PDB file of N, CA and C in Angstrom:
ATOM      1  N   MET A   1       9.364  -7.035  28.299  1.00  0.00           N
ATOM      2  CA  MET A   1       8.113  -7.398  27.681  1.00  0.00           C
ATOM      3  C   MET A   1       7.749  -6.333  26.650  1.00  0.00           C
ATOM      4  N   ALA A   2       7.314  -6.754  25.473  1.00  0.00           N
ATOM      5  CA  ALA A   2       6.912  -5.833  24.413  1.00  0.00           C
ATOM      6  C   ALA A   2       5.446  -5.452  24.569  1.00  0.00           C
ATOM      7  N   TYR A   3       5.123  -4.231  24.204  1.00  0.00           N
ATOM      8  CA  TYR A   3       3.758  -3.739  24.255  1.00  0.00           C
ATOM      9  C   TYR A   3       3.357  -3.228  22.883  1.00  0.00           C
ATOM     10  N   PHE A   4       2.151  -3.567  22.458  1.00  0.00           N
ATOM     11  CA  PHE A   4       1.621  -3.094  21.182  1.00  0.00           C
ATOM     12  C   PHE A   4       1.476  -1.582  21.238  1.00  0.00           C
ATOM     13  N   ARG A   5       1.995  -0.899  20.214  1.00  0.00           N
ATOM     14  CA  ARG A   5       1.894   0.561  20.159  1.00  0.00           C
ATOM     15  C   ARG A   5       0.863   1.009  19.151  1.00  0.00           C
ATOM     16  N   SER A   6       0.933   0.470  17.914  1.00  0.00           N
ATOM     17  CA  SER A   6      -0.027   0.865  16.884  1.00  0.00           C
ATOM     18  C   SER A   6       0.158  -0.041  15.671  1.00  0.00           C
ATOM     19  N   PRO A   7      -0.865  -0.103  14.794  1.00  0.00           N
ATOM     20  CA  PRO A   7      -0.671  -0.834  13.540  1.00  0.00           C
ATOM     21  C   PRO A   7       0.452  -0.163  12.749  1.00  0.00           C
ATOM     22  N   ALA A   8       1.259  -0.948  12.070  1.00  0.00           N
ATOM     23  CA  ALA A   8       2.435  -0.400  11.388  1.00  0.00           C
ATOM     24  C   ALA A   8       2.133   0.064   9.972  1.00  0.00           C
ATOM     25  N   LYS A   9       0.991   0.689   9.780  1.00  0.00           N
ATOM     26  CA  LYS A   9       0.663   1.216   8.452  1.00  0.00           C
ATOM     27  C   LYS A   9       1.270   2.592   8.249  1.00  0.00           C
ATOM     28  N   ILE A  10       1.488   3.300   9.337  1.00  0.00           N
ATOM     29  CA  ILE A  10       2.195   4.576   9.291  1.00  0.00           C
ATOM     30  C   ILE A  10       3.260   4.514  10.383  1.00  0.00           C
ATOM     31  N   VAL A  11       4.511   4.659   9.971  1.00  0.00           N
ATOM     32  CA  VAL A  11       5.605   4.547  10.925  1.00  0.00           C
ATOM     33  C   VAL A  11       6.487   5.790  10.856  1.00  0.00           C
ATOM     34  N   ASP A  12       7.081   6.122  11.995  1.00  0.00           N
ATOM     35  CA  ASP A  12       8.024   7.229  12.054  1.00  0.00           C
ATOM     36  C   ASP A  12       9.406   6.700  11.706  1.00  0.00           C
ATOM     37  N   LEU A  13      10.047   7.343  10.727  1.00  0.00           N
ATOM     38  CA  LEU A  13      11.371   6.951  10.270  1.00  0.00           C
ATOM     39  C   LEU A  13      12.248   8.184  10.167  1.00  0.00           C
ATOM     40  N   THR A  14      13.532   7.975   9.955  1.00  0.00           N
ATOM     41  CA  THR A  14      14.476   9.076   9.778  1.00  0.00           C
ATOM     42  C   THR A  14      14.677   9.318   8.293  1.00  0.00           C
ATOM     43  N   ALA A  15      14.520  10.550   7.859  1.00  0.00           N
ATOM     44  CA  ALA A  15      14.679  10.896   6.443  1.00  0.00           C
ATOM     45  C   ALA A  15      16.117  10.628   5.996  1.00  0.00           C
ATOM     46  N   PRO A  16      16.259   9.954   4.852  1.00  0.00           N
ATOM     47  CA  PRO A  16      17.584   9.638   4.330  1.00  0.00           C
ATOM     48  C   PRO A  16      18.275  10.857   3.716  1.00  0.00           C
ATOM     49  N   SER A  17      19.462  10.637   3.193  1.00  0.00           N
ATOM     50  CA  SER A  17      20.221  11.683   2.512  1.00  0.00           C
ATOM     51  C   SER A  17      19.350  12.376   1.472  1.00  0.00           C
ATOM     52  N   GLY A  18      19.316  13.697   1.512  1.00  0.00           N
ATOM     53  CA  GLY A  18      18.489  14.470   0.582  1.00  0.00           C
ATOM     54  C   GLY A  18      17.093  14.743   1.096  1.00  0.00           C
ATOM     55  N   GLY A  19      16.711  14.096   2.198  1.00  0.00           N
ATOM     56  CA  GLY A  19      15.388  14.300   2.762  1.00  0.00           C
ATOM     57  C   GLY A  19      14.293  13.580   1.984  1.00  0.00           C
ATOM     58  N   VAL A  20      13.048  13.821   2.361  1.00  0.00           N
ATOM     59  CA  VAL A  20      11.893  13.210   1.702  1.00  0.00           C
ATOM     60  C   VAL A  20      10.866  14.283   1.361  1.00  0.00           C
ATOM     61  N   THR A  21      10.079  14.009   0.346  1.00  0.00           N
ATOM     62  CA  THR A  21       9.025  14.915  -0.106  1.00  0.00           C
ATOM     63  C   THR A  21       7.688  14.205   0.003  1.00  0.00           C
ATOM     64  N   VAL A  22       6.711  14.884   0.554  1.00  0.00           N
ATOM     65  CA  VAL A  22       5.387  14.303   0.718  1.00  0.00           C
ATOM     66  C   VAL A  22       4.883  13.742  -0.618  1.00  0.00           C
ATOM     67  N   GLY A  23       4.325  12.533  -0.570  1.00  0.00           N
ATOM     68  CA  GLY A  23       3.751  11.915  -1.754  1.00  0.00           C
ATOM     69  C   GLY A  23       4.720  11.127  -2.611  1.00  0.00           C
ATOM     70  N   LEU A  24       6.006  11.136  -2.262  1.00  0.00           N
ATOM     71  CA  LEU A  24       6.979  10.345  -3.017  1.00  0.00           C
ATOM     72  C   LEU A  24       7.364   9.109  -2.218  1.00  0.00           C
ATOM     73  N   PHE A  25       7.883   8.105  -2.913  1.00  0.00           N
ATOM     74  CA  PHE A  25       8.196   6.815  -2.303  1.00  0.00           C
ATOM     75  C   PHE A  25       9.694   6.691  -2.046  1.00  0.00           C
ATOM     76  N   TYR A  26      10.016   6.007  -0.941  1.00  0.00           N
ATOM     77  CA  TYR A  26      11.409   5.824  -0.536  1.00  0.00           C
ATOM     78  C   TYR A  26      11.598   4.419   0.023  1.00  0.00           C
ATOM     79  N   LEU A  27      12.673   3.769  -0.398  1.00  0.00           N
ATOM     80  CA  LEU A  27      13.038   2.465   0.155  1.00  0.00           C
ATOM     81  C   LEU A  27      13.920   2.748   1.356  1.00  0.00           C
ATOM     82  N   ILE A  28      13.373   2.484   2.536  1.00  0.00           N
ATOM     83  CA  ILE A  28      14.090   2.723   3.790  1.00  0.00           C
ATOM     84  C   ILE A  28      14.419   1.351   4.365  1.00  0.00           C
ATOM     85  N   GLY A  29      15.674   0.990   4.296  1.00  0.00           N
ATOM     86  CA  GLY A  29      16.060  -0.347   4.738  1.00  0.00           C
ATOM     87  C   GLY A  29      15.364  -1.388   3.887  1.00  0.00           C
ATOM     88  N   ALA A  30      14.478  -2.147   4.496  1.00  0.00           N
ATOM     89  CA  ALA A  30      13.817  -3.243   3.800  1.00  0.00           C
ATOM     90  C   ALA A  30      12.352  -2.978   3.484  1.00  0.00           C
ATOM     91  N   VAL A  31      11.889  -1.732   3.646  1.00  0.00           N
ATOM     92  CA  VAL A  31      10.475  -1.457   3.409  1.00  0.00           C
ATOM     93  C   VAL A  31      10.303  -0.190   2.557  1.00  0.00           C
ATOM     94  N   LEU A  32       9.358  -0.248   1.631  1.00  0.00           N
ATOM     95  CA  LEU A  32       9.037   0.915   0.811  1.00  0.00           C
ATOM     96  C   LEU A  32       7.940   1.709   1.511  1.00  0.00           C
ATOM     97  N   VAL A  33       8.132   3.026   1.619  1.00  0.00           N
ATOM     98  CA  VAL A  33       7.140   3.891   2.254  1.00  0.00           C
ATOM     99  C   VAL A  33       6.837   5.073   1.354  1.00  0.00           C
ATOM    100  N   CYS A  34       5.646   5.614   1.523  1.00  0.00           N
ATOM    101  CA  CYS A  34       5.270   6.870   0.884  1.00  0.00           C
ATOM    102  C   CYS A  34       5.342   7.930   1.972  1.00  0.00           C
ATOM    103  N   ALA A  35       6.121   8.979   1.726  1.00  0.00           N
ATOM    104  CA  ALA A  35       6.259  10.045   2.726  1.00  0.00           C
ATOM    105  C   ALA A  35       4.930  10.755   2.919  1.00  0.00           C
ATOM    106  N   ASN A  36       4.518  10.869   4.164  1.00  0.00           N
ATOM    107  CA  ASN A  36       3.264  11.536   4.511  1.00  0.00           C
ATOM    108  C   ASN A  36       3.486  13.018   4.789  1.00  0.00           C
ATOM    109  N   VAL A  37       4.752  13.412   4.907  1.00  0.00           N
ATOM    110  CA  VAL A  37       5.157  14.795   5.133  1.00  0.00           C
ATOM    111  C   VAL A  37       6.492  15.018   4.420  1.00  0.00           C
ATOM    112  N   THR A  38       6.864  16.275   4.253  1.00  0.00           N
ATOM    113  CA  THR A  38       8.190  16.608   3.736  1.00  0.00           C
ATOM    114  C   THR A  38       9.115  16.802   4.932  1.00  0.00           C
ATOM    115  N   ALA A  39      10.327  16.233   4.847  1.00  0.00           N
ATOM    116  CA  ALA A  39      11.277  16.346   5.951  1.00  0.00           C
ATOM    117  C   ALA A  39      12.695  16.422   5.408  1.00  0.00           C
ATOM    118  N   ALA A  40      13.521  17.188   6.078  1.00  0.00           N
ATOM    119  CA  ALA A  40      14.929  17.304   5.706  1.00  0.00           C
ATOM    120  C   ALA A  40      15.686  16.067   6.179  1.00  0.00           C
ATOM    121  N   GLU A  41      16.834  15.847   5.589  1.00  0.00           N
ATOM    122  CA  GLU A  41      17.696  14.730   5.971  1.00  0.00           C
ATOM    123  C   GLU A  41      17.895  14.699   7.483  1.00  0.00           C
ATOM    124  N   GLY A  42      17.712  13.519   8.069  1.00  0.00           N
ATOM    125  CA  GLY A  42      17.909  13.347   9.499  1.00  0.00           C
ATOM    126  C   GLY A  42      16.691  13.640  10.350  1.00  0.00           C
ATOM    127  N   GLU A  43      15.680  14.284   9.793  1.00  0.00           N
ATOM    128  CA  GLU A  43      14.450  14.569  10.542  1.00  0.00           C
ATOM    129  C   GLU A  43      13.546  13.341  10.548  1.00  0.00           C
ATOM    130  N   THR A  44      12.692  13.259  11.536  1.00  0.00           N
ATOM    131  CA  THR A  44      11.703  12.192  11.614  1.00  0.00           C
ATOM    132  C   THR A  44      10.547  12.531  10.683  1.00  0.00           C
ATOM    133  N   PHE A  45      10.071  11.528   9.952  1.00  0.00           N
ATOM    134  CA  PHE A  45       8.919  11.729   9.083  1.00  0.00           C
ATOM    135  C   PHE A  45       7.984  10.530   9.195  1.00  0.00           C
ATOM    136  N   ALA A  46       6.729  10.727   8.857  1.00  0.00           N
ATOM    137  CA  ALA A  46       5.737   9.659   8.852  1.00  0.00           C
ATOM    138  C   ALA A  46       5.751   9.002   7.477  1.00  0.00           C
ATOM    139  N   GLY A  47       5.955   7.688   7.441  1.00  0.00           N
ATOM    140  CA  GLY A  47       5.953   6.944   6.189  1.00  0.00           C
ATOM    141  C   GLY A  47       4.821   5.932   6.177  1.00  0.00           C
ATOM    142  N   VAL A  48       4.061   5.906   5.095  1.00  0.00           N
ATOM    143  CA  VAL A  48       2.929   4.991   4.963  1.00  0.00           C
ATOM    144  C   VAL A  48       3.427   3.709   4.296  1.00  0.00           C
ATOM    145  N   THR A  49       3.208   2.558   4.948  1.00  0.00           N
ATOM    146  CA  THR A  49       3.726   1.277   4.457  1.00  0.00           C
ATOM    147  C   THR A  49       2.705   0.432   3.714  1.00  0.00           C
ATOM    148  N   GLU A  50       1.432   0.731   3.879  1.00  0.00           N
ATOM    149  CA  GLU A  50       0.375  -0.064   3.253  1.00  0.00           C
ATOM    150  C   GLU A  50      -0.735   0.842   2.746  1.00  0.00           C
ATOM    151  N   GLY A  51      -1.392   0.394   1.660  1.00  0.00           N
ATOM    152  CA  GLY A  51      -2.547   1.132   1.177  1.00  0.00           C
ATOM    153  C   GLY A  51      -2.547   1.292  -0.325  1.00  0.00           C
ATOM    154  N   LEU A  52      -3.603   1.929  -0.808  1.00  0.00           N
ATOM    155  CA  LEU A  52      -3.801   2.184  -2.234  1.00  0.00           C
ATOM    156  C   LEU A  52      -3.368   3.605  -2.552  1.00  0.00           C
ATOM    157  N   PHE A  53      -2.498   3.752  -3.542  1.00  0.00           N
ATOM    158  CA  PHE A  53      -1.970   5.050  -3.944  1.00  0.00           C
ATOM    159  C   PHE A  53      -2.248   5.261  -5.419  1.00  0.00           C
ATOM    160  N   ASP A  54      -2.860   6.374  -5.762  1.00  0.00           N
ATOM    161  CA  ASP A  54      -3.108   6.725  -7.162  1.00  0.00           C
ATOM    162  C   ASP A  54      -2.013   7.668  -7.647  1.00  0.00           C
ATOM    163  N   ASP A  55      -1.851   7.728  -8.956  1.00  0.00           N
ATOM    164  CA  ASP A  55      -0.879   8.623  -9.592  1.00  0.00           C
ATOM    165  C   ASP A  55       0.555   8.372  -9.137  1.00  0.00           C
ATOM    166  N   ALA A  56       0.896   7.110  -8.870  1.00  0.00           N
ATOM    167  CA  ALA A  56       2.267   6.745  -8.511  1.00  0.00           C
ATOM    168  C   ALA A  56       3.100   6.628  -9.781  1.00  0.00           C
ATOM    169  N   ALA A  57       4.361   7.021  -9.706  1.00  0.00           N
ATOM    170  CA  ALA A  57       5.252   6.986 -10.870  1.00  0.00           C
ATOM    171  C   ALA A  57       5.365   5.564 -11.415  1.00  0.00           C
ATOM    172  N   LYS A  58       5.127   5.430 -12.730  1.00  0.00           N
ATOM    173  CA  LYS A  58       5.113   4.130 -13.398  1.00  0.00           C
ATOM    174  C   LYS A  58       6.140   4.102 -14.524  1.00  0.00           C
ATOM    175  N   ALA A  59       6.847   2.987 -14.644  1.00  0.00           N
ATOM    176  CA  ALA A  59       7.750   2.795 -15.777  1.00  0.00           C
ATOM    177  C   ALA A  59       6.906   2.618 -17.038  1.00  0.00           C
ATOM    178  N   THR A  60       7.290   3.267 -18.120  1.00  0.00           N
ATOM    179  CA  THR A  60       6.591   3.095 -19.389  1.00  0.00           C
ATOM    180  C   THR A  60       7.152   1.876 -20.117  1.00  0.00           C
ATOM    181  N   GLY A  61       6.412   1.400 -21.097  1.00  0.00           N
ATOM    182  CA  GLY A  61       6.883   0.291 -21.905  1.00  0.00           C
ATOM    183  C   GLY A  61       6.191  -1.027 -21.640  1.00  0.00           C
ATOM    184  N   SER A  62       5.461  -1.121 -20.549  1.00  0.00           N
ATOM    185  CA  SER A  62       4.669  -2.331 -20.308  1.00  0.00           C
ATOM    186  C   SER A  62       3.346  -1.938 -19.667  1.00  0.00           C
ATOM    187  N   ALA A  63       2.308  -2.621 -20.084  1.00  0.00           N
ATOM    188  CA  ALA A  63       0.973  -2.366 -19.527  1.00  0.00           C
ATOM    189  C   ALA A  63       0.828  -3.094 -18.199  1.00  0.00           C
ATOM    190  N   TRP A  64       0.035  -2.530 -17.296  1.00  0.00           N
ATOM    191  CA  TRP A  64      -0.293  -3.190 -16.041  1.00  0.00           C
ATOM    192  C   TRP A  64      -1.698  -3.746 -16.144  1.00  0.00           C
ATOM    193  N   THR A  65      -1.894  -4.928 -15.605  1.00  0.00           N
ATOM    194  CA  THR A  65      -3.230  -5.486 -15.444  1.00  0.00           C
ATOM    195  C   THR A  65      -3.578  -5.417 -13.962  1.00  0.00           C
ATOM    196  N   GLU A  66      -4.858  -5.366 -13.649  1.00  0.00           N
ATOM    197  CA  GLU A  66      -5.255  -5.360 -12.242  1.00  0.00           C
ATOM    198  C   GLU A  66      -4.636  -6.556 -11.535  1.00  0.00           C
ATOM    199  N   GLY A  67      -4.063  -6.294 -10.379  1.00  0.00           N
ATOM    200  CA  GLY A  67      -3.498  -7.370  -9.568  1.00  0.00           C
ATOM    201  C   GLY A  67      -2.106  -7.822  -9.977  1.00  0.00           C
ATOM    202  N   ALA A  68      -1.530  -7.223 -11.023  1.00  0.00           N
ATOM    203  CA  ALA A  68      -0.178  -7.605 -11.450  1.00  0.00           C
ATOM    204  C   ALA A  68       0.827  -7.260 -10.352  1.00  0.00           C
ATOM    205  N   LYS A  69       1.805  -8.140 -10.137  1.00  0.00           N
ATOM    206  CA  LYS A  69       2.863  -7.864  -9.167  1.00  0.00           C
ATOM    207  C   LYS A  69       3.613  -6.613  -9.598  1.00  0.00           C
ATOM    208  N   LEU A  70       3.894  -5.743  -8.619  1.00  0.00           N
ATOM    209  CA  LEU A  70       4.663  -4.537  -8.905  1.00  0.00           C
ATOM    210  C   LEU A  70       5.934  -4.521  -8.070  1.00  0.00           C
ATOM    211  N   TYR A  71       6.975  -4.006  -8.694  1.00  0.00           N
ATOM    212  CA  TYR A  71       8.292  -3.930  -8.089  1.00  0.00           C
ATOM    213  C   TYR A  71       8.719  -2.473  -8.029  1.00  0.00           C
ATOM    214  N   TRP A  72       9.556  -2.147  -7.053  1.00  0.00           N
ATOM    215  CA  TRP A  72      10.086  -0.794  -6.933  1.00  0.00           C
ATOM    216  C   TRP A  72      11.460  -0.750  -7.586  1.00  0.00           C
ATOM    217  N   ASP A  73      11.602   0.144  -8.549  1.00  0.00           N
ATOM    218  CA  ASP A  73      12.869   0.412  -9.220  1.00  0.00           C
ATOM    219  C   ASP A  73      13.491   1.582  -8.473  1.00  0.00           C
ATOM    220  N   ASP A  74      14.372   1.288  -7.523  1.00  0.00           N
ATOM    221  CA  ASP A  74      14.924   2.332  -6.666  1.00  0.00           C
ATOM    222  C   ASP A  74      15.855   3.271  -7.424  1.00  0.00           C
ATOM    223  N   THR A  75      16.485   2.782  -8.472  1.00  0.00           N
ATOM    224  CA  THR A  75      17.380   3.617  -9.274  1.00  0.00           C
ATOM    225  C   THR A  75      16.621   4.740  -9.963  1.00  0.00           C
ATOM    226  N   ASN A  76      15.429   4.420 -10.487  1.00  0.00           N
ATOM    227  CA  ASN A  76      14.634   5.394 -11.238  1.00  0.00           C
ATOM    228  C   ASN A  76      13.421   5.916 -10.468  1.00  0.00           C
ATOM    229  N   SER A  77      13.252   5.474  -9.227  1.00  0.00           N
ATOM    230  CA  SER A  77      12.144   5.915  -8.355  1.00  0.00           C
ATOM    231  C   SER A  77      10.785   5.761  -9.019  1.00  0.00           C
ATOM    232  N   ARG A  78      10.478   4.527  -9.430  1.00  0.00           N
ATOM    233  CA  ARG A  78       9.179   4.263 -10.062  1.00  0.00           C
ATOM    234  C   ARG A  78       8.820   2.787  -9.922  1.00  0.00           C
ATOM    235  N   PHE A  79       7.542   2.499 -10.141  1.00  0.00           N
ATOM    236  CA  PHE A  79       7.044   1.135 -10.069  1.00  0.00           C
ATOM    237  C   PHE A  79       7.123   0.491 -11.450  1.00  0.00           C
ATOM    238  N   THR A  80       7.348  -0.821 -11.449  1.00  0.00           N
ATOM    239  CA  THR A  80       7.490  -1.556 -12.691  1.00  0.00           C
ATOM    240  C   THR A  80       6.993  -2.989 -12.513  1.00  0.00           C
ATOM    241  N   THR A  81       6.729  -3.661 -13.608  1.00  0.00           N
ATOM    242  CA  THR A  81       6.380  -5.084 -13.553  1.00  0.00           C
ATOM    243  C   THR A  81       7.618  -5.951 -13.732  1.00  0.00           C
ATOM    244  N   SER A  82       8.768  -5.332 -13.922  1.00  0.00           N
ATOM    245  CA  SER A  82      10.027  -6.056 -14.112  1.00  0.00           C
ATOM    246  C   SER A  82      10.660  -6.402 -12.767  1.00  0.00           C
ATOM    247  N   ALA A  83      10.857  -7.693 -12.533  1.00  0.00           N
ATOM    248  CA  ALA A  83      11.457  -8.139 -11.279  1.00  0.00           C
ATOM    249  C   ALA A  83      12.970  -7.953 -11.251  1.00  0.00           C
ATOM    250  N   SER A  84      13.599  -7.956 -12.393  1.00  0.00           N
ATOM    251  CA  SER A  84      15.055  -7.931 -12.493  1.00  0.00           C
ATOM    252  C   SER A  84      15.685  -6.725 -11.792  1.00  0.00           C
ATOM    253  N   GLY A  85      16.399  -6.983 -10.708  1.00  0.00           N
ATOM    254  CA  GLY A  85      17.089  -5.931  -9.981  1.00  0.00           C
ATOM    255  C   GLY A  85      16.199  -5.026  -9.158  1.00  0.00           C
ATOM    256  N   ASN A  86      14.908  -5.363  -9.065  1.00  0.00           N
ATOM    257  CA  ASN A  86      13.949  -4.518  -8.357  1.00  0.00           C
ATOM    258  C   ASN A  86      13.347  -5.249  -7.157  1.00  0.00           C
ATOM    259  N   THR A  87      12.598  -4.525  -6.331  1.00  0.00           N
ATOM    260  CA  THR A  87      12.060  -5.038  -5.079  1.00  0.00           C
ATOM    261  C   THR A  87      10.547  -5.202  -5.156  1.00  0.00           C
ATOM    262  N   LEU A  88      10.047  -6.418  -4.908  1.00  0.00           N
ATOM    263  CA  LEU A  88       8.604  -6.667  -4.892  1.00  0.00           C
ATOM    264  C   LEU A  88       7.978  -5.902  -3.733  1.00  0.00           C
ATOM    265  N   VAL A  89       6.962  -5.059  -4.042  1.00  0.00           N
ATOM    266  CA  VAL A  89       6.373  -4.215  -2.996  1.00  0.00           C
ATOM    267  C   VAL A  89       4.847  -4.262  -2.941  1.00  0.00           C
ATOM    268  N   GLY A  90       4.197  -4.803  -3.981  1.00  0.00           N
ATOM    269  CA  GLY A  90       2.738  -4.806  -3.973  1.00  0.00           C
ATOM    270  C   GLY A  90       2.178  -5.233  -5.301  1.00  0.00           C
ATOM    271  N   TYR A  91       1.032  -4.649  -5.653  1.00  0.00           N
ATOM    272  CA  TYR A  91       0.364  -5.021  -6.902  1.00  0.00           C
ATOM    273  C   TYR A  91      -0.394  -3.836  -7.479  1.00  0.00           C
ATOM    274  N   ALA A  92      -0.739  -3.967  -8.757  1.00  0.00           N
ATOM    275  CA  ALA A  92      -1.463  -2.900  -9.452  1.00  0.00           C
ATOM    276  C   ALA A  92      -2.907  -2.860  -8.969  1.00  0.00           C
ATOM    277  N   GLY A  93      -3.353  -1.677  -8.579  1.00  0.00           N
ATOM    278  CA  GLY A  93      -4.731  -1.503  -8.131  1.00  0.00           C
ATOM    279  C   GLY A  93      -5.689  -1.299  -9.280  1.00  0.00           C
ATOM    280  N   ALA A  94      -5.150  -1.049 -10.470  1.00  0.00           N
ATOM    281  CA  ALA A  94      -5.962  -0.849 -11.672  1.00  0.00           C
ATOM    282  C   ALA A  94      -5.067  -1.076 -12.887  1.00  0.00           C
ATOM    283  N   ALA A  95      -5.695  -1.332 -14.000  1.00  0.00           N
ATOM    284  CA  ALA A  95      -4.948  -1.482 -15.245  1.00  0.00           C
ATOM    285  C   ALA A  95      -4.354  -0.138 -15.639  1.00  0.00           C
ATOM    286  N   ALA A  96      -3.206  -0.187 -16.328  1.00  0.00           N
ATOM    287  CA  ALA A  96      -2.565   1.035 -16.829  1.00  0.00           C
ATOM    288  C   ALA A  96      -1.948   0.723 -18.188  1.00  0.00           C
ATOM    289  N   ALA A  97      -2.106   1.638 -19.107  1.00  0.00           N
ATOM    290  CA  ALA A  97      -1.586   1.457 -20.462  1.00  0.00           C
ATOM    291  C   ALA A  97      -0.058   1.491 -20.467  1.00  0.00           C
ATOM    292  N   SER A  98       0.522   0.888 -21.470  1.00  0.00           N
ATOM    293  CA  SER A  98       1.971   0.816 -21.623  1.00  0.00           C
ATOM    294  C   SER A  98       2.621   2.200 -21.586  1.00  0.00           C
ATOM    295  N   GLY A  99       2.008   3.169 -22.228  1.00  0.00           N
ATOM    296  CA  GLY A  99       2.583   4.507 -22.297  1.00  0.00           C
ATOM    297  C   GLY A  99       2.297   5.392 -21.098  1.00  0.00           C
ATOM    298  N   ALA A 100       1.475   4.926 -20.161  1.00  0.00           N
ATOM    299  CA  ALA A 100       1.132   5.731 -18.983  1.00  0.00           C
ATOM    300  C   ALA A 100       2.363   5.961 -18.110  1.00  0.00           C
ATOM    301  N   THR A 101       2.458   7.146 -17.524  1.00  0.00           N
ATOM    302  CA  THR A 101       3.585   7.466 -16.653  1.00  0.00           C
ATOM    303  C   THR A 101       3.223   7.350 -15.169  1.00  0.00           C
ATOM    304  N   THR A 102       1.930   7.145 -14.891  1.00  0.00           N
ATOM    305  CA  THR A 102       1.489   6.928 -13.515  1.00  0.00           C
ATOM    306  C   THR A 102       0.503   5.773 -13.480  1.00  0.00           C
ATOM    307  N   GLY A 103       0.328   5.225 -12.281  1.00  0.00           N
ATOM    308  CA  GLY A 103      -0.607   4.121 -12.121  1.00  0.00           C
ATOM    309  C   GLY A 103      -1.093   4.027 -10.689  1.00  0.00           C
ATOM    310  N   SER A 104      -2.021   3.109 -10.477  1.00  0.00           N
ATOM    311  CA  SER A 104      -2.598   2.851  -9.167  1.00  0.00           C
ATOM    312  C   SER A 104      -1.848   1.680  -8.533  1.00  0.00           C
ATOM    313  N   VAL A 105      -1.306   1.899  -7.323  1.00  0.00           N
ATOM    314  CA  VAL A 105      -0.447   0.918  -6.661  1.00  0.00           C
ATOM    315  C   VAL A 105      -1.010   0.572  -5.297  1.00  0.00           C
ATOM    316  N   VAL A 106      -1.009  -0.713  -4.966  1.00  0.00           N
ATOM    317  CA  VAL A 106      -1.350  -1.161  -3.622  1.00  0.00           C
ATOM    318  C   VAL A 106      -0.069  -1.650  -2.970  1.00  0.00           C
ATOM    319  N   LEU A 107       0.382  -0.922  -1.926  1.00  0.00           N
ATOM    320  CA  LEU A 107       1.533  -1.384  -1.148  1.00  0.00           C
ATOM    321  C   LEU A 107       1.029  -2.375  -0.121  1.00  0.00           C
ATOM    322  N   THR A 108       1.733  -3.479   0.013  1.00  0.00           N
ATOM    323  CA  THR A 108       1.310  -4.519   0.934  1.00  0.00           C
ATOM    324  C   THR A 108       2.040  -4.463   2.276  1.00  0.00           C
ATOM    325  N   GLY A 109       3.091  -3.653   2.369  1.00  0.00           N
ATOM    326  CA  GLY A 109       3.830  -3.545   3.617  1.00  0.00           C
ATOM    327  C   GLY A 109       4.773  -4.709   3.861  1.00  0.00           C
ATOM    328  N   GLN A 110       4.931  -5.559   2.859  1.00  0.00           N
ATOM    329  CA  GLN A 110       5.822  -6.707   3.050  1.00  0.00           C
ATOM    330  C   GLN A 110       7.270  -6.257   3.092  1.00  0.00           C
ATOM    331  N   ILE A 111       8.076  -7.040   3.737  1.00  0.00           N
ATOM    332  CA  ILE A 111       9.505  -6.749   3.844  1.00  0.00           C
ATOM    333  C   ILE A 111      10.173  -7.102   2.536  1.00  0.00           C
ATOM    334  N   ALA A 112      10.963  -6.176   2.024  1.00  0.00           N
ATOM    335  CA  ALA A 112      11.700  -6.403   0.788  1.00  0.00           C
ATOM    336  C   ALA A 112      12.750  -7.489   0.992  1.00  0.00           C
ATOM    337  N   ALA A 113      12.885  -8.352   0.010  1.00  0.00           N
ATOM    338  CA  ALA A 113      13.872  -9.435   0.123  1.00  0.00           C
ATOM    339  C   ALA A 113      15.246  -8.943  -0.251  1.00  0.00           C
TER     340      ALA A 113
END
C-alpha cells in the first residue's frame, strides 16, 4: 500500500554528472528542476519542480509575452519559446524583450514528453 509523503514540489534527486549548482535548472529524467542546493555528482539534492522563478536564463532573439509556452533547451541550458528539439516545461510569468538574457518562468511540474 502506498502512503502520501509530501507534495512533489520539492523532491530529493541524485545529482547528475558534473553535479548541480543552486539556482540552476537541470533536466533529470523526465522533469525539469531548479536546484535548491549545490551538490556534487552522485549526492542527493533538493530540486524544485513547480513555482515562479525570476532571472532564469532566457534565449535571446524572441520576445516573451505573459503566459507564453516555454520550453527547456537542454543543450544551451536556457528557456525558449521554440518547441523544436526542446521540452515543454511551463510558461512565461512576465513579458521579456527579445534581447533580454533572463526572464520570469513558471514551472508547472509536468512530465516532459
